[in-house]
Amino acid sequence: MDAMDLSDGSCGHLESKRTSRPPAKYSDPSTIVPPETLPELIERLHDIFDSEDICVEYVQKLMESYKGNPRDYKKFAKFDKYR
C-alpha cells in the first residue's frame, strides 16, 4: 500500500501536479458544510483519511468549522469530587 500523499498541504483546484488524475473529492475547502455533531466530524475525518490524497487545508477548515457541543463531550467527562 502506498503512503498517503500529503503533498505540500495546498489544495489547488487544478489537477495534481504529479499525475493527470482529477482533484480529490475533499480538495475544495469552500465546499465544506460544518458538521453538527462530534460523531459526524469523526465520520467525515475517517472518510477523508480513507481517500488517496489528503488536503491538509481541507482537514483544517473542516475541524475549524465544527462548533463543539457540550453534549458531544459528556461521555468523555470524568467528575472528580476531590478537585
N, C-alpha and C. Protein backbone atom coordinates (compact mmCIF):
# COMPACT_ATOMS: atom_id res chain seq x y z
N MET A 1 0.85 -1.18 0.00
CA MET A 1 0.00 0.00 0.00
C MET A 1 0.89 1.24 0.00
N ASP A 2 0.57 2.20 -0.83
CA ASP A 2 1.34 3.43 -0.91
C ASP A 2 1.02 4.34 0.27
N ALA A 3 2.00 5.16 0.62
CA ALA A 3 1.79 6.16 1.68
C ALA A 3 0.82 7.22 1.17
N MET A 4 0.09 7.83 2.10
CA MET A 4 -0.83 8.90 1.72
C MET A 4 -0.04 10.08 1.17
N ASP A 5 -0.60 10.72 0.18
CA ASP A 5 0.04 11.88 -0.41
C ASP A 5 -0.46 13.13 0.29
N LEU A 6 0.38 13.69 1.16
CA LEU A 6 0.02 14.92 1.85
C LEU A 6 0.53 16.12 1.09
N SER A 7 1.26 15.89 0.03
CA SER A 7 1.88 16.91 -0.82
C SER A 7 2.35 18.09 0.01
N ASP A 8 2.10 19.27 -0.43
CA ASP A 8 2.58 20.44 0.31
C ASP A 8 1.48 21.06 1.15
N GLY A 9 0.33 20.40 1.26
CA GLY A 9 -0.77 20.91 2.06
C GLY A 9 -1.69 21.84 1.30
N SER A 10 -1.23 22.33 0.15
CA SER A 10 -2.11 23.20 -0.62
C SER A 10 -3.11 22.33 -1.38
N CYS A 11 -4.25 22.87 -1.62
CA CYS A 11 -5.33 22.08 -2.22
C CYS A 11 -5.80 22.70 -3.51
N GLY A 12 -4.86 23.04 -4.35
CA GLY A 12 -5.24 23.66 -5.60
C GLY A 12 -6.39 22.94 -6.26
N HIS A 13 -7.24 23.68 -6.92
CA HIS A 13 -8.41 23.09 -7.55
C HIS A 13 -8.07 22.62 -8.95
N LEU A 14 -6.80 22.57 -9.23
CA LEU A 14 -6.33 22.09 -10.52
C LEU A 14 -5.95 20.63 -10.37
N GLU A 15 -5.61 20.02 -11.47
CA GLU A 15 -5.18 18.63 -11.42
C GLU A 15 -3.90 18.51 -10.61
N SER A 16 -3.68 17.32 -10.08
CA SER A 16 -2.48 17.05 -9.31
C SER A 16 -1.25 17.35 -10.16
N LYS A 17 -0.23 17.91 -9.54
CA LYS A 17 1.00 18.26 -10.26
C LYS A 17 1.76 17.01 -10.69
N ARG A 18 1.58 15.92 -9.95
CA ARG A 18 2.34 14.70 -10.24
C ARG A 18 1.65 13.80 -11.25
N THR A 19 0.34 13.84 -11.30
CA THR A 19 -0.39 12.95 -12.19
C THR A 19 -1.46 13.75 -12.92
N SER A 20 -2.12 13.11 -13.85
CA SER A 20 -3.18 13.79 -14.58
C SER A 20 -4.56 13.44 -14.03
N ARG A 21 -4.63 12.85 -12.85
CA ARG A 21 -5.93 12.49 -12.29
C ARG A 21 -6.67 13.74 -11.81
N PRO A 22 -7.99 13.68 -11.73
CA PRO A 22 -8.76 14.84 -11.27
C PRO A 22 -8.51 15.13 -9.80
N PRO A 23 -8.90 16.32 -9.33
CA PRO A 23 -8.68 16.67 -7.93
C PRO A 23 -9.44 15.72 -7.00
N ALA A 24 -8.92 15.57 -5.80
CA ALA A 24 -9.52 14.69 -4.81
C ALA A 24 -10.91 15.20 -4.43
N LYS A 25 -11.73 14.30 -3.96
CA LYS A 25 -13.10 14.63 -3.54
C LYS A 25 -13.10 15.70 -2.45
N TYR A 26 -12.15 15.61 -1.54
CA TYR A 26 -12.08 16.54 -0.41
C TYR A 26 -10.94 17.53 -0.63
N SER A 27 -11.03 18.32 -1.70
CA SER A 27 -9.93 19.22 -2.00
C SER A 27 -10.31 20.70 -1.98
N ASP A 28 -11.59 21.01 -1.94
CA ASP A 28 -12.02 22.41 -2.01
C ASP A 28 -12.64 22.83 -0.68
N PRO A 29 -11.87 23.51 0.18
CA PRO A 29 -12.38 23.92 1.49
C PRO A 29 -13.64 24.79 1.43
N SER A 30 -13.88 25.46 0.31
CA SER A 30 -15.07 26.32 0.22
C SER A 30 -16.36 25.50 0.14
N THR A 31 -16.26 24.20 -0.08
CA THR A 31 -17.45 23.35 -0.18
C THR A 31 -17.83 22.71 1.15
N ILE A 32 -17.10 23.00 2.20
CA ILE A 32 -17.33 22.36 3.50
C ILE A 32 -18.65 22.80 4.11
N VAL A 33 -19.43 21.82 4.53
CA VAL A 33 -20.63 22.05 5.33
C VAL A 33 -20.25 21.65 6.75
N PRO A 34 -20.33 22.57 7.71
CA PRO A 34 -19.88 22.26 9.07
C PRO A 34 -20.62 21.06 9.66
N PRO A 35 -19.88 20.15 10.27
CA PRO A 35 -20.53 19.01 10.94
C PRO A 35 -21.30 19.51 12.16
N GLU A 36 -22.43 18.88 12.44
CA GLU A 36 -23.27 19.32 13.55
C GLU A 36 -22.93 18.61 14.86
N THR A 37 -22.33 17.42 14.77
CA THR A 37 -22.02 16.66 15.98
C THR A 37 -20.59 16.13 15.91
N LEU A 38 -20.05 15.77 17.06
CA LEU A 38 -18.72 15.18 17.11
C LEU A 38 -18.66 13.87 16.32
N PRO A 39 -19.65 12.97 16.47
CA PRO A 39 -19.61 11.74 15.66
C PRO A 39 -19.61 12.02 14.15
N GLU A 40 -20.33 13.06 13.73
CA GLU A 40 -20.33 13.41 12.31
C GLU A 40 -18.95 13.90 11.87
N LEU A 41 -18.31 14.71 12.70
CA LEU A 41 -16.96 15.18 12.40
C LEU A 41 -16.01 14.00 12.28
N ILE A 42 -16.08 13.09 13.23
CA ILE A 42 -15.20 11.91 13.22
C ILE A 42 -15.43 11.07 11.97
N GLU A 43 -16.69 10.86 11.61
CA GLU A 43 -17.01 10.07 10.42
C GLU A 43 -16.44 10.73 9.16
N ARG A 44 -16.58 12.04 9.07
CA ARG A 44 -16.06 12.74 7.89
C ARG A 44 -14.54 12.70 7.85
N LEU A 45 -13.89 12.80 9.00
CA LEU A 45 -12.43 12.69 9.04
C LEU A 45 -11.99 11.31 8.58
N HIS A 46 -12.71 10.27 9.01
CA HIS A 46 -12.39 8.91 8.55
C HIS A 46 -12.52 8.82 7.03
N ASP A 47 -13.58 9.40 6.47
CA ASP A 47 -13.76 9.39 5.02
C ASP A 47 -12.59 10.08 4.31
N ILE A 48 -12.20 11.23 4.84
CA ILE A 48 -11.10 11.98 4.23
C ILE A 48 -9.81 11.18 4.27
N PHE A 49 -9.49 10.61 5.43
CA PHE A 49 -8.22 9.90 5.56
C PHE A 49 -8.24 8.53 4.89
N ASP A 50 -9.42 8.07 4.47
CA ASP A 50 -9.50 6.85 3.67
C ASP A 50 -9.22 7.14 2.20
N SER A 51 -9.24 8.41 1.81
CA SER A 51 -9.00 8.75 0.41
C SER A 51 -7.51 8.74 0.11
N GLU A 52 -7.20 8.70 -1.16
CA GLU A 52 -5.81 8.58 -1.59
C GLU A 52 -5.00 9.85 -1.37
N ASP A 53 -5.58 10.99 -1.64
CA ASP A 53 -4.88 12.26 -1.47
C ASP A 53 -5.51 13.02 -0.31
N ILE A 54 -4.68 13.57 0.55
CA ILE A 54 -5.16 14.31 1.71
C ILE A 54 -4.84 15.79 1.52
N CYS A 55 -5.85 16.61 1.63
CA CYS A 55 -5.68 18.06 1.54
C CYS A 55 -5.66 18.59 2.97
N VAL A 56 -4.49 18.97 3.43
CA VAL A 56 -4.33 19.44 4.81
C VAL A 56 -5.21 20.65 5.08
N GLU A 57 -5.28 21.57 4.14
CA GLU A 57 -6.11 22.76 4.32
C GLU A 57 -7.59 22.37 4.49
N TYR A 58 -8.05 21.38 3.74
CA TYR A 58 -9.44 20.93 3.85
C TYR A 58 -9.70 20.38 5.25
N VAL A 59 -8.78 19.57 5.75
CA VAL A 59 -8.94 18.99 7.09
C VAL A 59 -8.97 20.09 8.14
N GLN A 60 -8.06 21.04 8.03
CA GLN A 60 -8.02 22.15 8.99
C GLN A 60 -9.32 22.95 8.98
N LYS A 61 -9.80 23.27 7.79
CA LYS A 61 -11.04 24.06 7.68
C LYS A 61 -12.24 23.27 8.19
N LEU A 62 -12.27 21.98 7.93
CA LEU A 62 -13.37 21.15 8.43
C LEU A 62 -13.38 21.16 9.95
N MET A 63 -12.21 20.97 10.55
CA MET A 63 -12.14 20.95 12.01
C MET A 63 -12.47 22.32 12.60
N GLU A 64 -12.03 23.38 11.95
CA GLU A 64 -12.35 24.74 12.42
C GLU A 64 -13.84 25.03 12.30
N SER A 65 -14.50 24.41 11.35
CA SER A 65 -15.93 24.69 11.13
C SER A 65 -16.82 24.02 12.17
N TYR A 66 -16.29 23.02 12.86
CA TYR A 66 -17.09 22.32 13.88
C TYR A 66 -17.20 23.18 15.13
N LYS A 67 -18.42 23.46 15.53
CA LYS A 67 -18.67 24.20 16.76
C LYS A 67 -19.04 23.18 17.82
N GLY A 68 -18.15 22.99 18.78
CA GLY A 68 -18.34 21.97 19.81
C GLY A 68 -19.64 22.13 20.58
N ASN A 69 -20.18 21.01 20.98
CA ASN A 69 -21.40 20.97 21.76
C ASN A 69 -21.10 20.17 23.02
N PRO A 70 -21.34 20.73 24.21
CA PRO A 70 -21.04 20.01 25.45
C PRO A 70 -21.65 18.61 25.52
N ARG A 71 -22.81 18.42 24.89
CA ARG A 71 -23.42 17.08 24.89
C ARG A 71 -22.52 16.06 24.20
N ASP A 72 -21.79 16.50 23.17
CA ASP A 72 -20.90 15.59 22.45
C ASP A 72 -19.77 15.08 23.33
N TYR A 73 -19.37 15.87 24.31
CA TYR A 73 -18.22 15.53 25.14
C TYR A 73 -18.61 14.93 26.48
N LYS A 74 -19.90 14.89 26.77
CA LYS A 74 -20.37 14.44 28.08
C LYS A 74 -19.85 13.04 28.42
N LYS A 75 -19.86 12.13 27.47
CA LYS A 75 -19.44 10.76 27.77
C LYS A 75 -17.94 10.67 28.07
N PHE A 76 -17.18 11.70 27.72
CA PHE A 76 -15.74 11.69 27.98
C PHE A 76 -15.40 12.39 29.30
N ALA A 77 -16.35 13.11 29.86
CA ALA A 77 -16.11 13.88 31.09
C ALA A 77 -16.08 12.95 32.30
N LYS A 78 -15.13 13.18 33.16
CA LYS A 78 -15.00 12.40 34.40
C LYS A 78 -15.07 13.38 35.56
N PHE A 79 -16.02 13.15 36.44
CA PHE A 79 -16.17 14.02 37.59
C PHE A 79 -15.23 13.55 38.69
N ASP A 80 -14.46 14.47 39.25
CA ASP A 80 -13.56 14.17 40.36
C ASP A 80 -13.95 15.06 41.52
N LYS A 81 -14.61 14.49 42.52
CA LYS A 81 -15.11 15.30 43.63
C LYS A 81 -13.98 15.87 44.48
N TYR A 82 -12.75 15.43 44.28
CA TYR A 82 -11.61 15.91 45.07
C TYR A 82 -10.90 17.08 44.39
N ARG A 83 -11.34 17.50 43.27
CA ARG A 83 -10.70 18.62 42.57
C ARG A 83 -11.48 19.87 42.75
